[in-house]
Amino acid sequence: MEQQEYAVGATRVAAGRPDGRTGGAGRGTADAFLAVREAERESDCEPEYASERASDCESGPVDAVAASGADGSQTSAEGLSPDPGLLRLAHWFAAATPGTADDLCTASFGLYPARHLGAAAAPADPVVSWWHGPTAHAAAVPRAREARTDGGLRRARRDAAALPVVRSGAKQGRPGRHRRPERSRALPEAPCDVQDRSGEGLPDAERRIAARLLLAHPLVTASGPHADGFPLIRRHRDWLTERFDTLLGYRLVVGPWHARLCKAGLGPGAARRLEHPATGAPFTPAGYARLTLALALLVDAPEQLPYGRLLQAMRAAAPDLAAEAPDPADPTGTAALDMALAALADWQVLGELPADPGDTAFVLTVDRELARAVPAGPPALADDAADLIRRAAEAEPATAVRRLLAETPVVLAADLPEDQREWLREHRLSGPAALAEFLGLEAEPRAEGVALLDPAAELTDLALPGAGTLAQATLLLVERLVEEVRPLPGEATDGDVPIPDALIDGVLGDIADDHDLPARYLADRTALRRDALDLLHRLGLITPTPRTTWLLRPPAARYAPAPDLHPTPGTGRHSRPTIPPPAREGLRTQ
């Protein structure tokens, strides 16, 4: 009953995996798979909601598989036939710019993790601006070179007789003012600690743990890195299915061996991207194209597939995409193919990969069930990549805003269309509170918008503050930028504040002078600037603009010292030196 009620393509043949999995629906069961999938589509996707929940309701390339034939003949030894919808998507990836390719991946696969800011600031009135409200800034604690035990920044040793370093916007005689204590970020592989300090019941704590796990990892398997949390998902699947559908419009599919939360897209400019699981290198359009092309073949591939056959099928299905020179930076195409296969192995669509890329005789183990669970839906209704990105993010105002609150670090009213801005204004407290209760987060409403914070720093793929050189250098950068350009109380501002290029370069130069950086950043300051600004952008603390390089966003002020809203006359950063009255009279007579 469980397989019929919850599984997507769960009909299996006898297998030979240590964990009891077969790795796919098995030959001869495709018709049963399509029957189950079509029944789910008819019950879950009414016509009037098709455009709003296109990415939620289609958990696999059903139409494309049906169009190409589903009698099992495609998995014969003679050849593999690609899924037409995924093949079309692969060409869109290949023709896209890097940013558009990232947004297209978010819209078509929906496998991105939630991203939230960490440390909470003191409570404040919701009408208070982030610029002038309480902050999450912590006092800096300098560390000597000998005391350094991790990969973070080190304070450069200086001669005691040397003059104090004068920093941009800083006073003399205060070295170390921007130093923060090193912090390590240890994330549990599966959040299974069900002890609840608030005294709530065990089922409530388990539900919250399962919901957080799914939001952080939309594809969870019984044998993967988060297998410890899978039993909680199965135990509370009915409740989780109802809550995800009611609050976020997400479809949850729970089978015997995997759980898939089908997320919607986030629209253009979402700053989400796929990265190589081992190296962290961001996917290129060529990498996305190779990934989708391989997936188009694997959804109907046999469980045991020679590596050489997959390569031949990719070349036959799309000669232009499998060409030898898809990218000037990757003339052989090796890097694009490597990141594509690494992602498929990370999702457990593929088993072990060949150690030698030239070993075409290596036999891949394919999990067709997981391959079909990866796509959020074929681009059958979309005209092009931009249309798919738009369609995947469509929803009524309440659902759209709640999705942004659950998935993104900060929701600013200025970024929302009028109908969503009106909903956020009317539900400023109750809307975020429902999600905060569901996911164990803390709401931080401010004049400019709302952020849902995760003080445990677990429900995020990026952390600030964080361990490591880049995170600590970025924290120093945003702190200094806020101190330099923060608007004064009463000063007219549209929310975001322009950051001069020279200020960014000067602050990063100060950081490089004051701290020991890795050799790669000392030799290439451009790389330091690129990586630090990229991290701030992905966290929603800065945003690009055509006319100025970057704009600093109000939530960035959370990471700077609290402003002095009532400075002593003549001592503020923007004030002029006080001139005694007699001297002032002398100036008038000159």
Protein backbone atom coordinates (compact mmCIF):
# COMPACT_ATOMS: atom_id res chain seq x y z
CA MET A 1 0.00 0.00 0.00
CA GLU A 2 2.79 2.42 0.85
CA GLN A 3 4.39 1.96 -2.55
CA GLN A 4 1.09 2.53 -4.34
CA GLU A 5 0.16 5.53 -2.22
CA TYR A 6 3.47 7.36 -1.90
CA ALA A 7 5.99 6.03 -4.38
CA VAL A 8 6.69 7.62 -7.72
CA GLY A 9 7.64 4.78 -10.02
CA ALA A 10 8.19 2.53 -7.02
CA THR A 11 7.41 -0.75 -8.78
CA ARG A 12 10.63 -2.76 -8.80
CA VAL A 13 12.31 -5.91 -9.94
CA ALA A 14 14.45 -8.07 -7.69
CA ALA A 15 17.78 -6.44 -7.17
CA GLY A 16 21.23 -6.86 -5.85
CA ARG A 17 22.17 -3.80 -3.81
CA PRO A 18 23.41 -4.06 -0.24
CA ASP A 19 20.66 -1.75 1.00
CA GLY A 20 17.94 -3.66 -0.85
CA ARG A 21 17.47 -1.04 -3.58
CA THR A 22 17.19 -1.99 -7.21
CA GLY A 23 18.20 1.33 -8.70
CA GLY A 24 15.21 1.84 -10.95
CA ALA A 25 11.75 0.90 -11.97
CA GLY A 26 13.07 -2.04 -13.91
CA ARG A 27 12.37 -3.21 -17.42
CA GLY A 28 8.73 -3.91 -18.09
CA THR A 29 7.39 -1.62 -15.35
CA ALA A 30 7.37 1.65 -17.28
CA ASP A 31 3.67 1.37 -18.01
CA ALA A 32 2.90 1.03 -14.31
CA PHE A 33 5.16 4.01 -13.62
CA LEU A 34 3.32 6.15 -16.14
CA ALA A 35 -0.06 5.08 -14.79
CA VAL A 36 0.88 6.12 -11.27
CA ARG A 37 2.38 9.40 -12.46
CA GLU A 38 -0.54 10.31 -14.68
CA ALA A 39 -3.00 9.54 -11.87
CA GLU A 40 -1.07 11.86 -9.58
CA ARG A 41 -1.00 14.58 -12.21
CA GLU A 42 -4.77 14.39 -12.72
CA SER A 43 -5.50 14.54 -8.99
CA ASP A 44 -2.91 17.14 -8.01
CA CYS A 45 -2.78 19.52 -10.94
CA GLU A 46 -6.13 21.06 -11.81
CA PRO A 47 -6.11 23.16 -15.03
CA GLU A 48 -6.66 26.44 -13.25
CA TYR A 49 -3.55 25.91 -11.15
CA ALA A 50 -1.34 24.60 -13.94
CA SER A 51 0.51 27.83 -14.57
CA GLU A 52 1.00 28.55 -10.87
CA ARG A 53 2.27 25.12 -9.88
CA ALA A 54 3.90 23.83 -13.04
CA SER A 55 7.19 23.23 -11.25
CA ASP A 56 5.45 21.67 -8.23
CA CYS A 57 3.12 19.19 -9.86
CA GLU A 58 5.29 17.51 -12.44
CA SER A 59 7.96 15.53 -10.66
CA GLY A 60 9.43 14.01 -13.79
CA PRO A 61 9.54 14.10 -17.59
CA VAL A 62 6.31 12.13 -18.01
CA ASP A 63 5.05 13.74 -21.19
CA ALA A 64 8.43 13.43 -22.84
CA VAL A 65 8.82 9.79 -21.84
CA ALA A 66 5.32 8.96 -23.06
CA ALA A 67 5.94 10.75 -26.34
CA SER A 68 9.11 8.79 -27.01
CA GLY A 69 7.61 5.43 -26.07
CA ALA A 70 7.61 3.72 -22.69
CA ASP A 71 7.66 0.03 -23.51
CA GLY A 72 11.20 -0.54 -22.28
CA SER A 73 12.70 -0.81 -25.76
CA GLN A 74 14.75 2.36 -25.26
CA THR A 75 16.99 0.62 -22.76
CA SER A 76 18.17 -2.01 -25.21
CA ALA A 77 21.87 -2.55 -25.79
CA GLU A 78 21.67 -0.95 -29.23
CA GLY A 79 21.06 2.58 -28.04
CA LEU A 80 19.47 5.12 -25.68
CA SER A 81 16.78 7.61 -26.62
CA PRO A 82 16.81 11.00 -24.86
CA ASP A 83 13.82 12.54 -23.18
CA PRO A 84 12.66 15.29 -25.62
CA GLY A 85 11.75 17.78 -22.88
CA LEU A 86 15.09 17.48 -21.12
CA LEU A 87 16.93 17.58 -24.45
CA ARG A 88 15.20 20.87 -25.21
CA LEU A 89 16.17 22.14 -21.78
CA ALA A 90 19.80 21.16 -22.39
CA HIS A 91 19.92 23.38 -25.48
CA TRP A 92 18.48 26.28 -23.46
CA PHE A 93 21.25 25.85 -20.92
CA ALA A 94 23.91 25.83 -23.62
CA ALA A 95 22.63 29.09 -25.10
CA ALA A 96 22.18 30.89 -21.76
CA THR A 97 24.45 33.36 -20.01
CA PRO A 98 25.91 32.20 -16.67
CA GLY A 99 23.34 34.07 -14.59
CA THR A 100 20.41 32.93 -16.69
CA ALA A 101 21.70 29.34 -16.58
CA ASP A 102 21.70 29.50 -12.77
CA ASP A 103 18.12 30.77 -12.72
CA LEU A 104 17.11 28.11 -15.25
CA CYS A 105 18.57 25.38 -13.04
CA THR A 106 16.64 26.72 -10.05
CA ALA A 107 13.41 26.76 -12.08
CA SER A 108 13.76 23.38 -13.78
CA PHE A 109 15.27 21.26 -10.98
CA GLY A 110 14.33 23.07 -7.75
CA LEU A 111 17.12 21.34 -5.82
CA TYR A 112 18.49 24.46 -4.17
CA PRO A 113 18.82 24.65 -0.36
CA ALA A 114 17.19 27.27 1.83
CA ARG A 115 19.43 30.21 2.79
CA HIS A 116 19.04 32.21 5.99
CA LEU A 117 21.04 34.68 8.03
CA GLY A 118 22.25 33.54 11.43
CA ALA A 119 22.78 35.54 14.62
CA ALA A 120 19.69 37.41 15.79
CA ALA A 121 19.75 41.04 16.87
CA ALA A 122 17.91 42.43 19.87
CA PRO A 123 14.14 42.86 19.39
CA ALA A 124 13.04 46.19 17.99
CA ASP A 125 9.92 47.95 16.80
CA PRO A 126 9.04 46.71 13.27
CA VAL A 127 9.08 50.30 12.00
CA VAL A 128 12.76 50.70 12.90
CA SER A 129 15.15 50.64 9.96
CA TRP A 130 17.90 48.06 9.66
CA TRP A 131 20.25 50.98 9.15
CA HIS A 132 19.64 52.34 12.65
CA GLY A 133 18.24 49.39 14.60
CA PRO A 134 19.88 46.79 16.83
CA THR A 135 22.67 44.79 15.24
CA ALA A 136 24.15 41.31 15.54
CA HIS A 137 27.69 42.70 15.71
CA ALA A 138 30.02 41.07 18.25
CA ALA A 139 33.05 42.62 19.91
CA ALA A 140 36.29 41.83 18.10
CA VAL A 141 38.91 39.70 19.87
CA PRO A 142 42.39 39.85 18.30
CA ARG A 143 44.25 36.57 17.97
CA ALA A 144 48.00 36.22 17.83
CA ARG A 145 49.64 34.29 15.02
CA GLU A 146 50.68 31.50 17.42
CA ALA A 147 47.10 31.05 18.66
CA ARG A 148 45.64 30.48 15.23
CA THR A 149 44.24 26.96 14.93
CA ASP A 150 42.04 27.06 11.83
CA GLY A 151 41.95 28.48 8.34
CA GLY A 152 40.71 31.92 9.34
CA LEU A 153 42.33 35.32 9.18
CA ARG A 154 45.43 36.06 11.25
CA ARG A 155 46.36 39.41 12.59
CA ALA A 156 49.65 40.47 10.98
CA ARG A 157 52.45 40.95 13.53
CA ARG A 158 53.77 44.51 13.71
CA ASP A 159 56.69 46.21 15.36
CA ALA A 160 55.68 47.75 18.69
CA ALA A 161 57.34 51.01 17.72
CA ALA A 162 55.47 51.24 14.44
CA LEU A 163 52.89 53.95 13.96
CA PRO A 164 49.24 52.94 14.33
CA VAL A 165 47.57 51.88 11.11
CA VAL A 166 45.06 54.41 9.83
CA ARG A 167 42.10 52.67 8.22
CA SER A 168 39.38 53.99 6.04
CA GLY A 169 36.85 55.61 8.37
CA ALA A 170 38.62 54.42 11.54
CA LYS A 171 40.27 56.33 14.36
CA GLN A 172 43.91 55.95 15.28
CA GLY A 173 44.96 53.99 18.32
CA ARG A 174 42.28 51.28 17.94
CA PRO A 175 43.99 48.38 16.13
CA GLY A 176 41.90 45.24 16.09
CA ARG A 177 38.60 47.10 16.20
CA HIS A 178 37.27 45.01 13.33
CA ARG A 179 38.65 41.69 14.53
CA ARG A 180 36.10 39.00 15.29
CA PRO A 181 36.64 35.74 17.12
CA GLU A 182 37.18 32.67 14.96
CA ARG A 183 34.03 30.56 14.77
CA SER A 184 33.69 27.03 13.54
CA ARG A 185 30.51 25.93 11.85
CA ALA A 186 29.74 22.26 12.37
CA LEU A 187 26.58 21.16 10.63
CA PRO A 188 25.08 17.78 11.45
CA GLU A 189 24.81 15.51 8.44
CA ALA A 190 21.25 14.71 9.42
CA PRO A 191 19.43 16.85 12.01
CA CYS A 192 18.12 14.05 14.21
CA ASP A 193 18.53 15.50 17.68
CA VAL A 194 14.92 15.64 18.84
CA GLN A 195 15.52 17.21 22.23
CA ASP A 196 13.51 20.39 22.43
CA ARG A 197 14.43 23.04 24.97
CA SER A 198 11.03 24.68 24.85
CA GLY A 199 9.37 21.58 26.24
CA GLU A 200 7.25 20.82 23.18
CA GLY A 201 6.28 17.22 22.49
CA LEU A 202 8.50 14.77 20.66
CA PRO A 203 6.27 14.57 17.54
CA ASP A 204 6.38 18.36 17.10
CA ALA A 205 10.15 18.38 17.39
CA GLU A 206 10.47 15.52 14.90
CA ARG A 207 8.21 17.29 12.41
CA ARG A 208 10.24 20.44 12.63
CA ILE A 209 13.49 18.52 12.14
CA ALA A 210 12.05 16.74 9.10
CA ALA A 211 10.73 19.99 7.59
CA ARG A 212 14.11 21.71 8.04
CA LEU A 213 15.91 18.76 6.49
CA LEU A 214 13.69 18.79 3.40
CA LEU A 215 14.02 22.55 2.96
CA ALA A 216 17.80 22.25 3.18
CA HIS A 217 18.02 19.08 1.06
CA PRO A 218 15.00 18.66 -1.25
CA LEU A 219 16.11 15.16 -2.30
CA VAL A 220 16.73 12.81 0.65
CA THR A 221 17.45 9.11 0.17
CA ALA A 222 17.42 6.18 2.55
CA SER A 223 21.09 5.45 1.87
CA GLY A 224 22.47 8.96 1.37
CA PRO A 225 24.33 11.35 3.68
CA HIS A 226 21.07 12.35 5.41
CA ALA A 227 19.68 8.85 5.79
CA ASP A 228 19.30 9.29 9.56
CA GLY A 229 16.57 11.86 8.95
CA PHE A 230 14.69 9.83 6.34
CA PRO A 231 12.66 7.79 8.90
CA LEU A 232 11.36 11.05 10.39
CA ILE A 233 10.17 12.18 6.97
CA ARG A 234 8.34 8.91 6.35
CA ARG A 235 6.86 8.90 9.86
CA HIS A 236 5.35 12.39 9.46
CA ARG A 237 4.83 12.42 5.69
CA ASP A 238 1.09 13.19 5.82
CA TRP A 239 1.55 16.19 8.06
CA LEU A 240 4.58 17.42 6.10
CA THR A 241 2.76 17.02 2.79
CA GLU A 242 -0.16 19.10 4.03
CA ARG A 243 1.96 21.86 5.57
CA PHE A 244 4.32 22.26 2.62
CA ASP A 245 1.34 22.41 0.26
CA THR A 246 -0.64 24.86 2.40
CA LEU A 247 2.17 27.26 3.26
CA LEU A 248 4.43 27.09 0.21
CA GLY A 249 2.53 25.28 -2.53
CA TYR A 250 5.29 22.65 -2.67
CA ARG A 251 4.54 19.04 -3.57
CA LEU A 252 6.18 16.40 -1.37
CA VAL A 253 6.63 12.87 -2.72
CA VAL A 254 7.72 10.24 -0.19
CA GLY A 255 8.57 6.77 -1.43
CA PRO A 256 10.11 3.74 0.23
CA TRP A 257 13.65 4.85 -0.62
CA HIS A 258 13.61 8.59 -1.21
CA ALA A 259 11.74 11.80 -0.42
CA ARG A 260 11.50 14.63 -2.94
CA LEU A 261 10.32 18.14 -2.10
CA CYS A 262 9.44 19.73 -5.44
CA LYS A 263 10.34 23.37 -4.98
CA ALA A 264 9.24 26.19 -7.24
CA GLY A 265 11.58 28.61 -8.98
CA LEU A 266 12.68 31.91 -7.45
CA GLY A 267 12.50 34.05 -10.58
CA PRO A 268 15.33 35.91 -12.34
CA GLY A 269 18.35 37.07 -10.38
CA ALA A 270 17.88 34.58 -7.56
CA ALA A 271 21.65 34.25 -7.00
CA ARG A 272 21.38 30.44 -6.69
CA ARG A 273 23.70 28.14 -8.56
CA LEU A 274 24.81 24.54 -8.72
CA GLU A 275 28.38 23.82 -7.63
CA HIS A 276 30.74 20.91 -8.08
CA PRO A 277 30.19 18.70 -4.99
CA ALA A 278 33.92 18.22 -4.39
CA THR A 279 35.60 21.43 -5.54
CA GLY A 280 32.82 23.98 -5.08
CA ALA A 281 33.41 25.33 -8.59
CA PRO A 282 30.24 26.98 -9.95
CA PHE A 283 28.53 25.28 -12.86
CA THR A 284 28.95 26.85 -16.27
CA PRO A 285 26.25 26.85 -18.96
CA ALA A 286 28.18 24.02 -20.63
CA GLY A 287 28.16 22.07 -17.35
CA TYR A 288 24.41 22.52 -16.97
CA ALA A 289 23.91 21.45 -20.59
CA ARG A 290 25.97 18.26 -20.10
CA LEU A 291 24.12 17.51 -16.86
CA THR A 292 20.70 17.85 -18.48
CA LEU A 293 21.74 15.92 -21.58
CA ALA A 294 23.00 13.01 -19.46
CA LEU A 295 19.83 13.12 -17.37
CA ALA A 296 17.71 13.02 -20.53
CA LEU A 297 19.27 9.64 -21.30
CA LEU A 298 19.38 8.25 -17.76
CA VAL A 299 15.64 8.58 -17.05
CA ASP A 300 15.08 5.52 -19.25
CA ALA A 301 18.49 3.83 -19.11
CA PRO A 302 19.21 0.30 -17.91
CA GLU A 303 20.47 -0.17 -14.37
CA GLN A 304 23.91 -1.25 -15.61
CA LEU A 305 25.21 1.13 -18.26
CA PRO A 306 28.75 1.15 -19.71
CA TYR A 307 30.31 4.59 -19.44
CA GLY A 308 31.29 4.53 -23.11
CA ARG A 309 27.68 3.88 -24.13
CA LEU A 310 26.53 6.95 -22.23
CA LEU A 311 29.15 9.12 -23.95
CA GLN A 312 28.19 7.74 -27.36
CA ALA A 313 24.51 8.33 -26.68
CA MET A 314 25.21 11.92 -25.60
CA ARG A 315 27.12 12.58 -28.83
CA ALA A 316 24.37 10.97 -30.92
CA ALA A 317 21.51 12.80 -29.17
CA ALA A 318 23.07 16.27 -29.34
CA PRO A 319 26.29 16.50 -31.36
CA ASP A 320 26.45 20.26 -30.84
CA LEU A 321 26.21 19.96 -27.03
CA ALA A 322 28.73 17.12 -26.83
CA ALA A 323 31.24 18.90 -29.08
CA GLU A 324 34.90 18.94 -28.14
CA ALA A 325 35.09 22.70 -27.52
CA PRO A 326 31.92 23.92 -25.73
CA ASP A 327 33.75 26.62 -23.78
CA PRO A 328 37.03 28.50 -24.40
CA ALA A 329 37.91 28.02 -20.73
CA ASP A 330 37.32 24.27 -21.12
CA PRO A 331 38.54 23.43 -24.64
CA THR A 332 38.28 19.66 -24.22
CA GLY A 333 34.93 19.70 -22.46
CA THR A 334 36.38 17.59 -19.64
CA ALA A 335 35.52 20.01 -16.83
CA ALA A 336 31.88 20.40 -17.96
CA LEU A 337 31.39 16.64 -18.19
CA ASP A 338 33.15 16.04 -14.89
CA MET A 339 30.94 18.47 -12.97
CA ALA A 340 27.82 17.01 -14.62
CA LEU A 341 28.68 13.44 -13.62
CA ALA A 342 29.77 14.55 -10.13
CA ALA A 343 26.38 16.20 -9.54
CA LEU A 344 24.51 13.10 -10.73
CA ALA A 345 26.61 10.93 -8.42
CA ASP A 346 26.00 13.36 -5.54
CA TRP A 347 22.25 12.99 -6.11
CA GLN A 348 22.77 9.20 -6.25
CA VAL A 349 21.39 9.01 -9.77
CA LEU A 350 24.73 7.40 -10.61
CA GLY A 351 26.75 5.11 -8.40
CA GLU A 352 30.53 5.04 -8.41
CA LEU A 353 32.22 6.99 -11.20
CA PRO A 354 35.27 5.81 -13.15
CA ALA A 355 38.57 6.89 -11.62
CA ASP A 356 39.95 7.34 -15.13
CA PRO A 357 37.73 9.48 -17.40
CA GLY A 358 39.10 7.53 -20.33
CA ASP A 359 37.88 4.20 -18.98
CA THR A 360 34.91 3.80 -21.30
CA ALA A 361 34.47 0.13 -20.30
CA PHE A 362 33.57 1.13 -16.73
CA VAL A 363 29.99 0.11 -15.89
CA LEU A 364 27.83 2.78 -14.28
CA THR A 365 25.03 1.92 -11.88
CA VAL A 366 21.94 3.97 -12.74
CA ASP A 367 18.99 4.70 -10.44
CA ARG A 368 16.19 5.50 -12.85
CA GLU A 369 13.77 6.32 -10.05
CA LEU A 370 16.01 9.09 -8.76
CA ALA A 371 16.79 10.25 -12.28
CA ARG A 372 13.07 10.79 -12.83
CA ALA A 373 12.75 12.57 -9.48
CA VAL A 374 15.36 15.22 -10.32
CA PRO A 375 13.43 17.37 -12.84
CA ALA A 376 10.73 19.53 -11.33
CA GLY A 377 8.96 19.32 -14.66
CA PRO A 378 9.69 19.30 -18.41
CA PRO A 379 9.59 22.69 -20.16
CA ALA A 380 6.60 21.64 -22.24
CA LEU A 381 4.56 24.79 -21.58
CA ALA A 382 7.43 27.28 -21.81
CA ASP A 383 8.42 29.07 -25.00
CA ASP A 384 12.04 29.66 -23.99
CA ALA A 385 14.33 29.81 -20.98
CA ALA A 386 13.06 33.19 -19.78
CA ASP A 387 9.46 31.98 -19.99
CA LEU A 388 10.29 28.86 -17.97
CA ILE A 389 12.01 30.93 -15.27
CA ARG A 390 8.96 33.18 -15.06
CA ARG A 391 6.41 30.35 -15.05
CA ALA A 392 8.25 28.38 -12.37
CA ALA A 393 8.05 31.32 -9.96
CA GLU A 394 4.38 32.19 -10.57
CA ALA A 395 2.07 31.99 -7.55
CA GLU A 396 -0.62 33.99 -5.83
CA PRO A 397 0.79 36.77 -3.61
CA ALA A 398 0.61 34.99 -0.24
CA THR A 399 2.35 31.87 -1.51
CA ALA A 400 4.98 33.83 -3.44
CA VAL A 401 5.98 35.90 -0.40
CA ARG A 402 6.02 32.91 1.91
CA ARG A 403 8.30 31.09 -0.54
CA LEU A 404 10.74 33.99 -0.49
CA LEU A 405 10.65 34.12 3.30
CA ALA A 406 11.33 30.38 3.55
CA GLU A 407 14.09 30.23 0.94
CA THR A 408 15.95 33.56 0.90
CA PRO A 409 17.93 35.49 3.53
CA VAL A 410 15.88 38.70 3.40
CA VAL A 411 12.64 39.85 1.78
CA LEU A 412 12.64 43.58 1.05
CA ALA A 413 9.33 45.25 0.23
CA ALA A 414 10.99 47.36 -2.45
CA ASP A 415 11.84 44.21 -4.43
CA LEU A 416 8.26 42.91 -4.54
CA PRO A 417 5.53 43.66 -7.07
CA GLU A 418 2.63 45.70 -5.76
CA ASP A 419 0.28 42.81 -4.93
CA GLN A 420 2.96 40.94 -2.96
CA ARG A 421 4.07 44.14 -1.22
CA GLU A 422 0.48 44.76 -0.13
CA TRP A 423 0.17 41.23 1.27
CA LEU A 424 3.41 41.61 3.21
CA ARG A 425 2.23 44.95 4.59
CA GLU A 426 -1.07 43.45 5.79
CA HIS A 427 0.53 40.27 7.23
CA ARG A 428 3.77 41.76 8.43
CA LEU A 429 3.75 39.83 11.69
CA SER A 430 1.37 36.89 11.19
CA GLY A 431 2.78 35.76 7.82
CA PRO A 432 6.41 35.32 8.91
CA ALA A 433 5.29 33.95 12.30
CA ALA A 434 3.56 30.94 10.72
CA LEU A 435 6.69 30.01 8.79
CA ALA A 436 8.92 30.65 11.78
CA GLU A 437 6.85 28.22 13.83
CA PHE A 438 6.87 25.62 11.05
CA LEU A 439 10.64 25.76 10.49
CA GLY A 440 11.99 26.76 13.90
CA LEU A 441 13.20 30.20 12.78
CA GLU A 442 13.05 33.70 14.28
CA ALA A 443 11.31 36.57 12.50
CA GLU A 444 13.06 39.94 12.30
CA PRO A 445 10.65 42.56 10.90
CA ARG A 446 12.08 45.96 10.03
CA ALA A 447 10.89 49.02 8.17
CA GLU A 448 12.35 47.78 4.87
CA GLY A 449 11.14 44.17 5.05
CA VAL A 450 11.42 40.88 6.95
CA ALA A 451 14.11 38.28 7.52
CA LEU A 452 13.66 34.80 8.99
CA LEU A 453 16.79 34.03 10.99
CA ASP A 454 18.28 30.70 11.95
CA PRO A 455 20.49 31.27 15.03
CA ALA A 456 21.66 27.64 14.79
CA ALA A 457 23.18 28.46 11.36
CA GLU A 458 22.03 25.08 10.04
CA LEU A 459 19.27 25.98 7.58
CA THR A 460 21.60 27.66 5.11
CA ASP A 461 24.29 26.86 2.59
CA LEU A 462 26.20 30.08 3.31
CA ALA A 463 27.18 31.48 6.69
CA LEU A 464 28.19 34.94 7.84
CA PRO A 465 29.97 35.02 10.23
CA GLY A 466 31.67 31.85 9.10
CA ALA A 467 34.89 29.92 9.38
CA GLY A 468 37.62 30.37 6.83
CA THR A 469 39.51 33.27 5.33
CA LEU A 470 36.95 34.42 2.80
CA ALA A 471 34.02 34.53 5.25
CA GLN A 472 36.02 36.49 7.81
CA ALA A 473 37.43 38.91 5.24
CA THR A 474 33.91 39.44 3.89
CA LEU A 475 32.61 40.14 7.37
CA LEU A 476 35.28 42.81 7.87
CA LEU A 477 34.45 44.27 4.48
CA VAL A 478 30.70 44.63 5.05
CA GLU A 479 31.28 46.03 8.54
CA ARG A 480 33.57 48.74 7.20
CA LEU A 481 31.32 49.55 4.24
CA VAL A 482 28.34 50.07 6.54
CA GLU A 483 30.34 52.43 8.76
CA GLU A 484 31.36 54.47 5.73
CA VAL A 485 28.11 54.85 3.79
CA ARG A 486 25.31 54.24 6.32
CA PRO A 487 22.73 57.05 5.96
CA LEU A 488 22.24 59.30 8.96
CA PRO A 489 18.86 59.36 10.76
CA GLY A 490 16.45 61.49 8.77
CA GLU A 491 18.65 61.44 5.69
CA ALA A 492 16.63 60.81 2.52
CA THR A 493 17.36 57.39 1.04
CA ASP A 494 15.63 54.87 -1.20
CA GLY A 495 16.84 52.04 1.03
CA ASP A 496 19.94 50.94 -0.85
CA VAL A 497 23.07 53.08 -0.76
CA PRO A 498 25.69 53.29 -3.56
CA ILE A 499 29.19 52.00 -2.73
CA PRO A 500 32.06 53.77 -4.51
CA ASP A 501 34.46 51.39 -6.23
CA ALA A 502 37.40 53.14 -4.64
CA LEU A 503 35.98 52.46 -1.18
CA ILE A 504 35.68 48.73 -1.86
CA ASP A 505 39.26 48.55 -3.15
CA GLY A 506 40.57 50.64 -0.27
CA VAL A 507 38.88 48.55 2.44
CA LEU A 508 40.04 45.30 0.88
CA GLY A 509 43.54 46.73 0.67
CA ASP A 510 43.42 47.57 4.38
CA ILE A 511 42.25 44.03 5.17
CA ALA A 512 45.07 42.54 3.10
CA ASP A 513 47.61 44.77 4.87
CA ASP A 514 46.33 44.04 8.36
CA HIS A 515 45.76 40.28 8.06
CA ASP A 516 47.55 37.26 6.68
CA LEU A 517 45.64 36.17 3.59
CA PRO A 518 46.21 33.04 1.48
CA ALA A 519 48.80 33.41 -1.24
CA ARG A 520 46.16 33.30 -3.97
CA TYR A 521 44.50 36.43 -2.59
CA LEU A 522 47.76 38.25 -1.97
CA ALA A 523 48.84 37.57 -5.54
CA ASP A 524 45.44 38.41 -7.01
CA ARG A 525 43.49 41.15 -5.22
CA THR A 526 40.90 40.97 -7.99
CA ALA A 527 40.04 37.42 -6.90
CA LEU A 528 39.58 38.60 -3.30
CA ARG A 529 37.26 41.37 -4.46
CA ARG A 530 35.30 39.02 -6.72
CA ASP A 531 34.81 36.30 -4.11
CA ALA A 532 33.96 38.66 -1.24
CA LEU A 533 31.40 40.61 -3.26
CA ASP A 534 29.94 37.39 -4.63
CA LEU A 535 29.36 36.10 -1.09
CA LEU A 536 27.68 39.35 -0.04
CA HIS A 537 25.51 39.30 -3.16
CA ARG A 538 24.38 35.72 -2.61
CA LEU A 539 23.45 36.63 0.97
CA GLY A 540 21.34 39.55 -0.23
CA LEU A 541 23.47 42.21 1.48
CA ILE A 542 24.52 43.99 -1.73
CA THR A 543 22.98 44.12 -5.19
CA PRO A 544 24.41 45.08 -8.60
CA THR A 545 23.11 47.96 -10.61
CA PRO A 546 23.90 49.16 -14.15
CA ARG A 547 24.83 52.70 -13.14
CA THR A 548 26.97 52.01 -10.09
CA THR A 549 28.92 48.87 -9.42
CA TRP A 550 27.12 47.84 -6.20
CA LEU A 551 24.44 49.03 -3.81
CA LEU A 552 24.63 48.29 -0.09
CA ARG A 553 21.32 46.94 1.23
CA PRO A 554 19.83 47.83 4.63
CA PRO A 555 20.22 44.33 6.20
CA ALA A 556 23.99 44.68 5.83
CA ALA A 557 23.88 47.03 8.83
CA ARG A 558 23.19 43.99 11.05
CA TYR A 559 26.91 43.18 10.86
CA ALA A 560 28.29 46.56 11.89
CA PRO A 561 28.45 48.17 15.34
CA ALA A 562 25.26 49.89 16.39
CA PRO A 563 25.20 53.50 15.20
CA ASP A 564 25.47 56.40 17.62
CA LEU A 565 22.17 58.13 16.91
CA HIS A 566 22.91 61.05 19.26
CA PRO A 567 26.60 61.92 18.83
CA THR A 568 28.25 64.73 20.73
CA PRO A 569 28.29 67.84 18.49
CA GLY A 570 31.48 68.04 16.50
CA THR A 571 32.50 64.42 17.04
CA GLY A 572 30.43 62.61 14.42
CA ARG A 573 32.02 61.13 11.34
CA HIS A 574 30.19 63.59 9.08
CA SER A 575 30.56 66.63 11.33
CA ARG A 576 33.01 69.48 10.91
CA PRO A 577 35.46 70.53 13.62
CA THR A 578 33.93 72.91 16.16
CA ILE A 579 35.31 76.45 15.87
CA PRO A 580 35.21 78.63 19.01
CA PRO A 581 33.09 81.81 18.65
CA PRO A 582 36.04 84.31 18.78
CA ALA A 583 37.83 82.40 16.05
CA ARG A 584 34.63 82.30 14.02
CA GLU A 585 34.34 86.08 14.27
CA GLY A 586 37.97 86.43 13.13
CA LEU A 587 37.22 84.32 10.06
CA ARG A 588 34.31 86.60 9.14
CA THR A 589 36.52 89.71 9.20
CA GLN A 590 39.24 88.22 7.02
